[in-house]
C-alpha atoms as a PDB file:
ATOM      1  CA  MET A   1     -30.824  16.984  -7.283  1.00  0.00           C
ATOM      2  CA  ASN A   2     -32.739  17.836  -4.107  1.00  0.00           C
ATOM      3  CA  VAL A   3     -30.389  18.914  -1.300  1.00  0.00           C
ATOM      4  CA  ASP A   4     -31.918  16.194   0.886  1.00  0.00           C
ATOM      5  CA  ARG A   5     -30.394  13.630  -1.555  1.00  0.00           C
ATOM      6  CA  GLN A   6     -26.900  15.053  -1.262  1.00  0.00           C
ATOM      7  CA  VAL A   7     -24.023  14.403   1.164  1.00  0.00           C
ATOM      8  CA  ASN A   8     -20.722  16.003   1.817  1.00  0.00           C
ATOM      9  CA  VAL A   9     -17.858  13.478   1.912  1.00  0.00           C
ATOM     10  CA  ILE A  10     -14.525  14.779   3.295  1.00  0.00           C
ATOM     11  CA  ASP A  11     -11.404  13.729   1.419  1.00  0.00           C
ATOM     12  CA  CYS A  12      -8.225  14.244   3.577  1.00  0.00           C
ATOM     13  CA  ASN A  13      -6.139  11.395   2.049  1.00  0.00           C
ATOM     14  CA  ILE A  14      -6.746   8.813   4.751  1.00  0.00           C
ATOM     15  CA  GLY A  15      -8.047   6.008   2.495  1.00  0.00           C
ATOM     16  CA  ASN A  16     -11.136   4.099   1.559  1.00  0.00           C
ATOM     17  CA  LEU A  17     -12.903   7.071   0.078  1.00  0.00           C
ATOM     18  CA  GLY A  18     -13.853   5.291  -3.096  1.00  0.00           C
ATOM     19  CA  SER A  19     -15.758   2.402  -1.417  1.00  0.00           C
ATOM     20  CA  VAL A  20     -17.795   4.817   0.648  1.00  0.00           C
ATOM     21  CA  ILE A  21     -18.644   7.061  -2.346  1.00  0.00           C
ATOM     22  CA  ASN A  22     -19.694   4.008  -4.362  1.00  0.00           C
ATOM     23  CA  LEU A  23     -22.039   2.851  -1.652  1.00  0.00           C
ATOM     24  CA  ILE A  24     -23.600   6.343  -1.271  1.00  0.00           C
ATOM     25  CA  LYS A  25     -24.153   6.540  -5.052  1.00  0.00           C
ATOM     26  CA  LYS A  26     -25.699   2.967  -5.014  1.00  0.00           C
ATOM     27  CA  LEU A  27     -28.247   4.390  -2.609  1.00  0.00           C
ATOM     28  CA  ASN A  28     -29.170   7.171  -5.135  1.00  0.00           C
ATOM     29  CA  PHE A  29     -27.519  10.040  -3.144  1.00  0.00           C
ATOM     30  CA  GLU A  30     -25.287  12.622  -4.817  1.00  0.00           C
ATOM     31  CA  VAL A  31     -21.809  13.027  -3.414  1.00  0.00           C
ATOM     32  CA  ASN A  32     -20.037  16.291  -2.933  1.00  0.00           C
ATOM     33  CA  ILE A  33     -16.308  15.733  -2.229  1.00  0.00           C
ATOM     34  CA  VAL A  34     -14.871  18.281   0.158  1.00  0.00           C
ATOM     35  CA  THR A  35     -11.158  19.055   0.296  1.00  0.00           C
ATOM     36  CA  LYS A  36     -11.416  22.654   1.799  1.00  0.00           C
ATOM     37  CA  PRO A  37     -14.099  24.625   3.729  1.00  0.00           C
ATOM     38  CA  SER A  38     -15.367  26.465   0.693  1.00  0.00           C
ATOM     39  CA  GLU A  39     -16.374  23.186  -1.027  1.00  0.00           C
ATOM     40  CA  PHE A  40     -19.209  22.312   1.502  1.00  0.00           C
ATOM     41  CA  ASN A  41     -22.545  22.600  -0.225  1.00  0.00           C
ATOM     42  CA  SER A  42     -25.875  23.285   1.461  1.00  0.00           C
ATOM     43  CA  SER A  43     -26.449  19.643   2.538  1.00  0.00           C
ATOM     44  CA  ARG A  44     -26.543  19.156   6.251  1.00  0.00           C
ATOM     45  CA  LYS A  45     -25.091  15.646   6.031  1.00  0.00           C
ATOM     46  CA  ILE A  46     -21.243  15.080   6.339  1.00  0.00           C
ATOM     47  CA  ILE A  47     -19.324  11.771   6.296  1.00  0.00           C
ATOM     48  CA  LEU A  48     -15.687  11.430   7.220  1.00  0.00           C
ATOM     49  CA  PRO A  49     -14.342   8.021   6.053  1.00  0.00           C
ATOM     50  CA  GLY A  50     -11.171   6.805   7.716  1.00  0.00           C
ATOM     51  CA  VAL A  51      -8.391   4.258   7.379  1.00  0.00           C
ATOM     52  CA  GLY A  52      -5.027   4.906   8.965  1.00  0.00           C
ATOM     53  CA  HIS A  53      -3.312   6.811  11.731  1.00  0.00           C
ATOM     54  CA  TYR A  54      -5.070   9.094  14.276  1.00  0.00           C
ATOM     55  CA  ASP A  55      -2.478  11.912  14.111  1.00  0.00           C
ATOM     56  CA  LYS A  56      -2.167  11.781  10.370  1.00  0.00           C
ATOM     57  CA  CYS A  57      -5.926  12.178   9.975  1.00  0.00           C
ATOM     58  CA  ILE A  58      -5.940  15.260  12.214  1.00  0.00           C
ATOM     59  CA  GLN A  59      -2.884  16.742  10.628  1.00  0.00           C
ATOM     60  CA  ASN A  60      -4.308  16.275   7.160  1.00  0.00           C
ATOM     61  CA  LEU A  61      -7.501  17.995   8.227  1.00  0.00           C
ATOM     62  CA  LYS A  62      -5.434  20.922   9.549  1.00  0.00           C
ATOM     63  CA  ARG A  63      -3.374  21.151   6.451  1.00  0.00           C
ATOM     64  CA  ILE A  64      -6.443  21.685   4.307  1.00  0.00           C
ATOM     65  CA  ASN A  65      -7.973  24.021   6.888  1.00  0.00           C
ATOM     66  CA  LEU A  66     -10.852  21.668   7.685  1.00  0.00           C
ATOM     67  CA  PHE A  67     -10.118  20.696  11.293  1.00  0.00           C
ATOM     68  CA  ASN A  68     -11.560  23.871  12.958  1.00  0.00           C
ATOM     69  CA  ASP A  69     -14.249  24.288  10.343  1.00  0.00           C
ATOM     70  CA  LEU A  70     -15.410  20.743  10.928  1.00  0.00           C
ATOM     71  CA  LYS A  71     -15.266  21.234  14.650  1.00  0.00           C
ATOM     72  CA  ASN A  72     -17.496  24.290  14.417  1.00  0.00           C
ATOM     73  CA  LYS A  73     -19.982  22.460  12.275  1.00  0.00           C
ATOM     74  CA  ILE A  74     -20.169  19.491  14.599  1.00  0.00           C
ATOM     75  CA  PHE A  75     -20.628  21.581  17.702  1.00  0.00           C
ATOM     76  CA  SER A  76     -23.241  23.813  16.084  1.00  0.00           C
ATOM     77  CA  ASP A  77     -25.925  21.060  16.145  1.00  0.00           C
ATOM     78  CA  ASN A  78     -26.861  22.081  12.520  1.00  0.00           C
ATOM     79  CA  TYR A  79     -25.287  19.085  10.764  1.00  0.00           C
ATOM     80  CA  PHE A  80     -25.718  15.324  10.761  1.00  0.00           C
ATOM     81  CA  PHE A  81     -22.114  13.920  10.864  1.00  0.00           C
ATOM     82  CA  LEU A  82     -20.807  10.408  10.584  1.00  0.00           C
ATOM     83  CA  GLY A  83     -17.187   9.452  11.313  1.00  0.00           C
ATOM     84  CA  ILE A  84     -16.028   5.998  10.227  1.00  0.00           C
ATOM     85  CA  CYS A  85     -13.165   4.157  11.999  1.00  0.00           C
ATOM     86  CA  VAL A  86     -10.403   6.743  12.481  1.00  0.00           C
ATOM     87  CA  GLY A  87     -13.121   9.326  11.500  1.00  0.00           C
ATOM     88  CA  MET A  88     -14.990   8.202  14.696  1.00  0.00           C
ATOM     89  CA  GLN A  89     -11.839   8.079  16.842  1.00  0.00           C
ATOM     90  CA  ILE A  90     -10.922  11.880  16.204  1.00  0.00           C
ATOM     91  CA  LEU A  91     -14.365  12.751  17.658  1.00  0.00           C
ATOM     92  CA  PHE A  92     -12.772  11.974  21.078  1.00  0.00           C
ATOM     93  CA  GLN A  93     -10.295  13.941  23.096  1.00  0.00           C
ATOM     94  CA  SER A  94      -6.951  12.190  22.499  1.00  0.00           C
ATOM     95  CA  SER A  95      -5.368   8.848  21.433  1.00  0.00           C
ATOM     96  CA  GLU A  96      -2.539   6.675  22.469  1.00  0.00           C
ATOM     97  CA  GLU A  97      -1.718   6.404  18.785  1.00  0.00           C
ATOM     98  CA  GLY A  98      -0.496  10.066  18.767  1.00  0.00           C
ATOM     99  CA  ASN A  99      -0.085  13.432  20.339  1.00  0.00           C
ATOM    100  CA  GLU A 100      -2.739  15.410  18.567  1.00  0.00           C
ATOM    101  CA  GLU A 101      -5.792  16.797  20.308  1.00  0.00           C
ATOM    102  CA  GLY A 102      -9.029  15.412  18.916  1.00  0.00           C
ATOM    103  CA  LEU A 103     -12.246  17.237  18.119  1.00  0.00           C
ATOM    104  CA  GLY A 104     -13.408  16.539  21.666  1.00  0.00           C
ATOM    105  CA  PHE A 105     -17.115  16.232  20.799  1.00  0.00           C
ATOM    106  CA  PHE A 106     -17.254  13.014  22.932  1.00  0.00           C
ATOM    107  CA  LYS A 107     -15.546  12.769  26.255  1.00  0.00           C
ATOM    108  CA  GLY A 108     -13.020   9.981  26.329  1.00  0.00           C
ATOM    109  CA  ASN A 109      -9.863   8.686  24.780  1.00  0.00           C
ATOM    110  CA  VAL A 110      -8.636   6.182  22.208  1.00  0.00           C
ATOM    111  CA  ASN A 111      -6.596   3.260  23.597  1.00  0.00           C
ATOM    112  CA  LYS A 112      -4.564   0.455  22.002  1.00  0.00           C
ATOM    113  CA  PHE A 113      -5.683  -3.111  22.263  1.00  0.00           C
ATOM    114  CA  ASN A 114      -3.177  -4.860  24.555  1.00  0.00           C
ATOM    115  CA  PHE A 115      -3.864  -8.525  24.998  1.00  0.00           C
ATOM    116  CA  GLU A 116      -1.906 -11.109  26.938  1.00  0.00           C
ATOM    117  CA  ASN A 117      -4.021 -13.929  25.584  1.00  0.00           C
ATOM    118  CA  ASN A 118      -4.914 -15.348  22.204  1.00  0.00           C
ATOM    119  CA  PHE A 119      -6.848 -12.369  20.908  1.00  0.00           C
ATOM    120  CA  LYS A 120      -5.188 -10.792  17.922  1.00  0.00           C
ATOM    121  CA  THR A 121      -4.342  -7.246  17.071  1.00  0.00           C
ATOM    122  CA  PRO A 122      -5.484  -5.681  14.845  1.00  0.00           C
ATOM    123  CA  HIS A 123      -9.082  -6.647  15.363  1.00  0.00           C
ATOM    124  CA  MET A 124      -9.914  -7.653  11.857  1.00  0.00           C
ATOM    125  CA  GLY A 125     -12.955  -9.377  10.384  1.00  0.00           C
ATOM    126  CA  TRP A 126     -16.610  -9.803  11.160  1.00  0.00           C
ATOM    127  CA  ASN A 127     -18.071  -9.309  14.625  1.00  0.00           C
ATOM    128  CA  ASN A 128     -21.370  -8.580  16.270  1.00  0.00           C
ATOM    129  CA  LEU A 129     -23.030  -5.334  17.296  1.00  0.00           C
ATOM    130  CA  ILE A 130     -24.568  -5.388  20.873  1.00  0.00           C
ATOM    131  CA  PHE A 131     -26.993  -2.574  21.302  1.00  0.00           C
ATOM    132  CA  ASP A 132     -26.887  -0.841  24.667  1.00  0.00           C
ATOM    133  CA  ASN A 133     -29.878   1.379  24.127  1.00  0.00           C
ATOM    134  CA  LYS A 134     -32.434   2.213  21.520  1.00  0.00           C
ATOM    135  CA  LYS A 135     -31.668   5.792  20.576  1.00  0.00           C
ATOM    136  CA  ASN A 136     -30.172   4.677  17.264  1.00  0.00           C
ATOM    137  CA  ILE A 137     -30.969   4.812  13.589  1.00  0.00           C
ATOM    138  CA  LEU A 138     -30.151   1.245  12.895  1.00  0.00           C
ATOM    139  CA  ASN A 139     -32.682  -1.328  13.953  1.00  0.00           C
ATOM    140  CA  LEU A 140     -30.488  -4.325  13.354  1.00  0.00           C
ATOM    141  CA  ASP A 141     -28.080  -6.423  15.368  1.00  0.00           C
ATOM    142  CA  ASN A 142     -26.026  -8.296  12.826  1.00  0.00           C
ATOM    143  CA  ARG A 143     -22.421  -8.724  11.919  1.00  0.00           C
ATOM    144  CA  VAL A 144     -20.249  -5.955  10.502  1.00  0.00           C
ATOM    145  CA  TYR A 145     -16.594  -5.695   9.403  1.00  0.00           C
ATOM    146  CA  PHE A 146     -13.789  -4.357  11.613  1.00  0.00           C
ATOM    147  CA  CYS A 147     -10.197  -3.449  10.973  1.00  0.00           C
ATOM    148  CA  HIS A 148      -8.469  -1.510  13.865  1.00  0.00           C
ATOM    149  CA  SER A 149      -5.858  -1.761  16.513  1.00  0.00           C
ATOM    150  CA  TYR A 150      -7.270   1.062  18.653  1.00  0.00           C
ATOM    151  CA  TYR A 151     -10.626   1.450  20.416  1.00  0.00           C
ATOM    152  CA  VAL A 152     -12.479   4.299  22.099  1.00  0.00           C
ATOM    153  CA  GLN A 153     -13.153   4.520  25.778  1.00  0.00           C
ATOM    154  CA  CYS A 154     -16.226   6.594  26.086  1.00  0.00           C
ATOM    155  CA  ASP A 155     -16.674   8.458  29.419  1.00  0.00           C
ATOM    156  CA  ASP A 156     -20.457   8.904  29.047  1.00  0.00           C
ATOM    157  CA  SER A 157     -22.352   5.655  28.716  1.00  0.00           C
ATOM    158  CA  ASP A 158     -25.338   7.475  27.319  1.00  0.00           C
ATOM    159  CA  ASP A 159     -23.305   8.199  24.171  1.00  0.00           C
ATOM    160  CA  ILE A 160     -22.813   4.490  23.469  1.00  0.00           C
ATOM    161  CA  VAL A 161     -25.306   2.996  21.113  1.00  0.00           C
ATOM    162  CA  ALA A 162     -23.669  -0.361  20.443  1.00  0.00           C
ATOM    163  CA  SER A 163     -20.695  -2.278  21.621  1.00  0.00           C
ATOM    164  CA  THR A 164     -18.604  -5.214  20.347  1.00  0.00           C
ATOM    165  CA  ILE A 165     -16.496  -7.822  22.162  1.00  0.00           C
ATOM    166  CA  HIS A 166     -12.942  -8.568  21.042  1.00  0.00           C
ATOM    167  CA  GLY A 167     -11.001  -9.680  24.210  1.00  0.00           C
ATOM    168  CA  LYS A 168     -12.966  -6.819  25.925  1.00  0.00           C
ATOM    169  CA  LYS A 169     -16.147  -4.887  25.305  1.00  0.00           C
ATOM    170  CA  PHE A 170     -15.657  -1.644  23.490  1.00  0.00           C
ATOM    171  CA  PRO A 171     -17.947   0.937  21.890  1.00  0.00           C
ATOM    172  CA  SER A 172     -18.532   0.257  18.195  1.00  0.00           C
ATOM    173  CA  ILE A 173     -21.276   2.922  17.608  1.00  0.00           C
ATOM    174  CA  VAL A 174     -21.497   6.215  19.480  1.00  0.00           C
ATOM    175  CA  CYS A 175     -24.122   8.953  19.049  1.00  0.00           C
ATOM    176  CA  LYS A 176     -24.750  12.356  20.605  1.00  0.00           C
ATOM    177  CA  LYS A 177     -27.258  14.806  19.127  1.00  0.00           C
ATOM    178  CA  LYS A 178     -26.687  14.633  15.371  1.00  0.00           C
ATOM    179  CA  VAL A 179     -23.193  13.199  15.491  1.00  0.00           C
ATOM    180  CA  TYR A 180     -22.512   9.476  14.892  1.00  0.00           C
ATOM    181  CA  GLY A 181     -19.419   7.299  14.923  1.00  0.00           C
ATOM    182  CA  PHE A 182     -18.946   3.790  13.506  1.00  0.00           C
ATOM    183  CA  GLN A 183     -15.729   1.937  14.587  1.00  0.00           C
ATOM    184  CA  PHE A 184     -16.375  -0.663  11.883  1.00  0.00           C
ATOM    185  CA  HIS A 185     -16.555  -0.188   8.106  1.00  0.00           C
ATOM    186  CA  PRO A 186     -20.155  -0.135   6.833  1.00  0.00           C
ATOM    187  CA  GLU A 187     -18.785   0.088   3.246  1.00  0.00           C
ATOM    188  CA  LYS A 188     -17.286  -3.444   3.765  1.00  0.00           C
ATOM    189  CA  SER A 189     -20.248  -4.818   5.593  1.00  0.00           C
ATOM    190  CA  TYR A 190     -22.430  -5.809   2.633  1.00  0.00           C
ATOM    191  CA  ASN A 191     -26.252  -5.509   3.285  1.00  0.00           C
ATOM    192  CA  ASP A 192     -26.035  -4.504   6.912  1.00  0.00           C
ATOM    193  CA  GLY A 193     -23.532  -1.818   6.088  1.00  0.00           C
ATOM    194  CA  GLU A 194     -25.682  -0.568   3.263  1.00  0.00           C
ATOM    195  CA  THR A 195     -28.629  -0.357   5.707  1.00  0.00           C
ATOM    196  CA  LEU A 196     -26.611   1.563   8.173  1.00  0.00           C
ATOM    197  CA  ILE A 197     -25.548   4.155   5.641  1.00  0.00           C
ATOM    198  CA  LYS A 198     -29.000   4.419   4.192  1.00  0.00           C
ATOM    199  CA  ASN A 199     -30.565   4.996   7.587  1.00  0.00           C
ATOM    200  CA  PHE A 200     -27.941   7.727   8.327  1.00  0.00           C
ATOM    201  CA  LEU A 201     -28.538   9.439   4.981  1.00  0.00           C
ATOM    202  CA  ASP A 202     -32.355   9.305   5.462  1.00  0.00           C
ATOM    203  CA  LEU A 203     -32.118  11.289   8.678  1.00  0.00           C
END
């Protein structure tokens, strides 16, 4: 298959890999599963799905020697990268969920939702995307599916493409150069999620 129809999907044992792979295949792209640096193929597209703990995600990447390799690829500006949920959060500098240092591509930190009102944690279910600017690949403003107890605080507002409100406004899509982060789960967001992944893969 043409390399433009391929995507590297990182498997570091943090969950939800199967749903993401099924969606990519439905869109007629070929999946190359990566569990170590030597398994990257020549495709310039990389997706890191994520469900679970911030520190565990980073520790698993380090255990399979992918953390520094992935960091080099992201900072090189030669790859299109998409991090989903925890895969987005580790693009930032640190998290209240753990002690590990993140990839640091985006300036900012990950904080825990802490409500004194009726808003529930985790933030789970359908919610809206509110676009802050138009430098995005999405062209839609519908509802997507969330499941998270931590949110990113992004220091550079220019990196925020879309936000969502759950007790407070937080970034739900970030982008800088060729690197994207989705706080929600496109693989669980039906038609809109499919559109989001398709638009990324078509870059």
